[in-house]
Amino acid sequence: MKTSEYIKELQKQSVADLQAQLVDAKKELFNLRFQNATNQLDNTARIREVRKNIARIQTVISAKVAE
């Protein structure tokens, strides 16, 4: 999925859904970091991708709250 499509999808969701998605993304990031520390992670670029997705979700949440 392209970034612009992902952002549009996020903007359609409610704040509660975004909060739930944020929690899931943070759990995934924790698991990826744990796997990386134990040398079990094959695709280290996934960590960067998840971090950026967390930032995108937080940005959309803050924009919706400011409305």
N, C-alpha and C. Protein backbone atom coordinates (compact mmCIF):
# COMPACT_ATOMS: atom_id res chain seq x y z
N MET A 1 0.85 -1.18 0.00
CA MET A 1 0.00 0.00 0.00
C MET A 1 0.89 1.24 0.00
N LYS A 2 0.54 2.18 -0.86
CA LYS A 2 1.32 3.40 -0.92
C LYS A 2 1.06 4.26 0.32
N THR A 3 1.98 5.15 0.59
CA THR A 3 1.88 6.01 1.76
C THR A 3 0.65 6.89 1.71
N SER A 4 0.38 7.49 0.56
CA SER A 4 -0.77 8.38 0.45
C SER A 4 -2.09 7.63 0.67
N GLU A 5 -2.16 6.40 0.18
CA GLU A 5 -3.35 5.58 0.39
C GLU A 5 -3.51 5.23 1.86
N TYR A 6 -2.40 4.94 2.52
CA TYR A 6 -2.42 4.59 3.93
C TYR A 6 -2.89 5.79 4.78
N ILE A 7 -2.42 6.98 4.44
CA ILE A 7 -2.81 8.18 5.18
C ILE A 7 -4.30 8.47 4.96
N LYS A 8 -4.79 8.32 3.75
CA LYS A 8 -6.21 8.54 3.48
C LYS A 8 -7.06 7.54 4.26
N GLU A 9 -6.58 6.30 4.35
CA GLU A 9 -7.29 5.28 5.11
C GLU A 9 -7.32 5.65 6.60
N LEU A 10 -6.21 6.17 7.11
CA LEU A 10 -6.16 6.59 8.51
C LEU A 10 -7.11 7.74 8.78
N GLN A 11 -7.21 8.68 7.86
CA GLN A 11 -8.05 9.86 8.06
C GLN A 11 -9.53 9.51 8.08
N LYS A 12 -9.91 8.39 7.49
CA LYS A 12 -11.31 7.97 7.47
C LYS A 12 -11.72 7.34 8.80
N GLN A 13 -10.76 6.90 9.61
CA GLN A 13 -11.07 6.17 10.83
C GLN A 13 -11.35 7.12 11.99
N SER A 14 -12.03 6.59 13.01
CA SER A 14 -12.32 7.38 14.20
C SER A 14 -11.09 7.42 15.10
N VAL A 15 -11.12 8.33 16.07
CA VAL A 15 -9.99 8.46 16.99
C VAL A 15 -9.80 7.19 17.81
N ALA A 16 -10.90 6.56 18.21
CA ALA A 16 -10.81 5.33 19.00
C ALA A 16 -10.14 4.21 18.19
N ASP A 17 -10.49 4.10 16.92
CA ASP A 17 -9.85 3.10 16.06
C ASP A 17 -8.37 3.39 15.89
N LEU A 18 -8.05 4.66 15.74
CA LEU A 18 -6.65 5.05 15.58
C LEU A 18 -5.86 4.74 16.85
N GLN A 19 -6.46 4.97 18.00
CA GLN A 19 -5.78 4.67 19.27
C GLN A 19 -5.48 3.18 19.36
N ALA A 20 -6.44 2.35 18.96
CA ALA A 20 -6.25 0.90 18.99
C ALA A 20 -5.15 0.48 18.01
N GLN A 21 -5.14 1.10 16.86
CA GLN A 21 -4.13 0.80 15.85
C GLN A 21 -2.74 1.23 16.34
N LEU A 22 -2.70 2.34 17.08
CA LEU A 22 -1.44 2.83 17.63
C LEU A 22 -0.88 1.85 18.65
N VAL A 23 -1.73 1.32 19.49
CA VAL A 23 -1.30 0.33 20.49
C VAL A 23 -0.74 -0.90 19.80
N ASP A 24 -1.42 -1.37 18.76
CA ASP A 24 -0.95 -2.54 18.02
C ASP A 24 0.41 -2.28 17.36
N ALA A 25 0.57 -1.09 16.80
CA ALA A 25 1.83 -0.76 16.14
C ALA A 25 2.97 -0.68 17.15
N LYS A 26 2.70 -0.15 18.34
CA LYS A 26 3.74 -0.09 19.37
C LYS A 26 4.12 -1.47 19.86
N LYS A 27 3.15 -2.37 19.96
CA LYS A 27 3.45 -3.76 20.34
C LYS A 27 4.31 -4.43 19.28
N GLU A 28 3.95 -4.17 18.02
CA GLU A 28 4.73 -4.75 16.92
C GLU A 28 6.16 -4.23 16.94
N LEU A 29 6.33 -2.94 17.21
CA LEU A 29 7.67 -2.35 17.27
C LEU A 29 8.47 -2.98 18.40
N PHE A 30 7.84 -3.18 19.55
CA PHE A 30 8.52 -3.83 20.67
C PHE A 30 8.99 -5.23 20.27
N ASN A 31 8.11 -5.98 19.63
CA ASN A 31 8.46 -7.35 19.22
C ASN A 31 9.59 -7.35 18.20
N LEU A 32 9.55 -6.39 17.27
CA LEU A 32 10.62 -6.31 16.27
C LEU A 32 11.96 -5.97 16.92
N ARG A 33 11.94 -5.05 17.87
CA ARG A 33 13.18 -4.70 18.56
C ARG A 33 13.71 -5.88 19.36
N PHE A 34 12.81 -6.63 19.97
CA PHE A 34 13.21 -7.81 20.73
C PHE A 34 13.85 -8.84 19.81
N GLN A 35 13.22 -9.07 18.66
CA GLN A 35 13.77 -10.03 17.70
C GLN A 35 15.13 -9.56 17.18
N ASN A 36 15.27 -8.24 16.98
CA ASN A 36 16.53 -7.70 16.50
C ASN A 36 17.63 -7.89 17.54
N ALA A 37 17.30 -7.71 18.80
CA ALA A 37 18.29 -7.86 19.86
C ALA A 37 18.75 -9.30 20.00
N THR A 38 17.88 -10.25 19.68
CA THR A 38 18.24 -11.66 19.79
C THR A 38 18.67 -12.25 18.45
N ASN A 39 18.92 -11.38 17.49
CA ASN A 39 19.38 -11.78 16.15
C ASN A 39 18.43 -12.73 15.44
N GLN A 40 17.13 -12.56 15.64
CA GLN A 40 16.15 -13.39 14.96
C GLN A 40 15.43 -12.63 13.84
N LEU A 41 15.69 -11.34 13.72
CA LEU A 41 14.99 -10.51 12.74
C LEU A 41 15.71 -10.54 11.40
N ASP A 42 14.97 -10.89 10.35
CA ASP A 42 15.55 -10.94 9.01
C ASP A 42 15.46 -9.59 8.32
N ASN A 43 14.29 -8.96 8.39
CA ASN A 43 14.04 -7.71 7.68
C ASN A 43 14.10 -6.54 8.67
N THR A 44 15.29 -5.96 8.83
CA THR A 44 15.45 -4.87 9.80
C THR A 44 14.80 -3.58 9.32
N ALA A 45 14.51 -3.47 8.04
CA ALA A 45 13.85 -2.27 7.51
C ALA A 45 12.42 -2.16 8.03
N ARG A 46 11.87 -3.25 8.48
CA ARG A 46 10.50 -3.24 9.02
C ARG A 46 10.41 -2.36 10.27
N ILE A 47 11.49 -2.29 11.06
CA ILE A 47 11.49 -1.44 12.26
C ILE A 47 11.27 0.01 11.85
N ARG A 48 11.97 0.46 10.86
CA ARG A 48 11.84 1.84 10.40
C ARG A 48 10.43 2.11 9.86
N GLU A 49 9.90 1.16 9.13
CA GLU A 49 8.56 1.29 8.55
C GLU A 49 7.50 1.42 9.66
N VAL A 50 7.62 0.59 10.67
CA VAL A 50 6.65 0.63 11.77
C VAL A 50 6.77 1.94 12.55
N ARG A 51 8.00 2.41 12.76
CA ARG A 51 8.19 3.70 13.46
C ARG A 51 7.53 4.84 12.69
N LYS A 52 7.67 4.83 11.39
CA LYS A 52 7.04 5.88 10.58
C LYS A 52 5.52 5.77 10.60
N ASN A 53 5.01 4.54 10.60
CA ASN A 53 3.56 4.36 10.69
C ASN A 53 3.02 4.86 12.03
N ILE A 54 3.77 4.63 13.11
CA ILE A 54 3.37 5.15 14.42
C ILE A 54 3.29 6.67 14.37
N ALA A 55 4.27 7.30 13.77
CA ALA A 55 4.28 8.76 13.66
C ALA A 55 3.10 9.25 12.82
N ARG A 56 2.79 8.54 11.75
CA ARG A 56 1.65 8.93 10.91
C ARG A 56 0.34 8.83 11.69
N ILE A 57 0.18 7.75 12.44
CA ILE A 57 -1.04 7.56 13.23
C ILE A 57 -1.16 8.68 14.26
N GLN A 58 -0.07 8.98 14.95
CA GLN A 58 -0.09 10.03 15.96
C GLN A 58 -0.42 11.39 15.35
N THR A 59 0.09 11.66 14.16
CA THR A 59 -0.19 12.92 13.48
C THR A 59 -1.67 13.04 13.14
N VAL A 60 -2.26 11.97 12.63
CA VAL A 60 -3.68 12.00 12.29
C VAL A 60 -4.53 12.16 13.54
N ILE A 61 -4.14 11.49 14.63
CA ILE A 61 -4.89 11.62 15.89
C ILE A 61 -4.85 13.06 16.38
N SER A 62 -3.69 13.67 16.38
CA SER A 62 -3.58 15.04 16.87
C SER A 62 -4.34 16.01 15.97
N ALA A 63 -4.38 15.75 14.68
CA ALA A 63 -5.13 16.62 13.76
C ALA A 63 -6.64 16.49 14.03
N LYS A 64 -7.09 15.26 14.31
CA LYS A 64 -8.52 15.06 14.59
C LYS A 64 -8.92 15.67 15.91
N VAL A 65 -8.06 15.60 16.92
CA VAL A 65 -8.36 16.17 18.22
C VAL A 65 -8.40 17.70 18.14
N ALA A 66 -7.56 18.27 17.31
CA ALA A 66 -7.51 19.74 17.17
C ALA A 66 -8.73 20.31 16.47
N GLU A 67 -9.46 19.47 15.75
CA GLU A 67 -10.63 19.95 15.00
C GLU A 67 -11.74 20.41 15.89
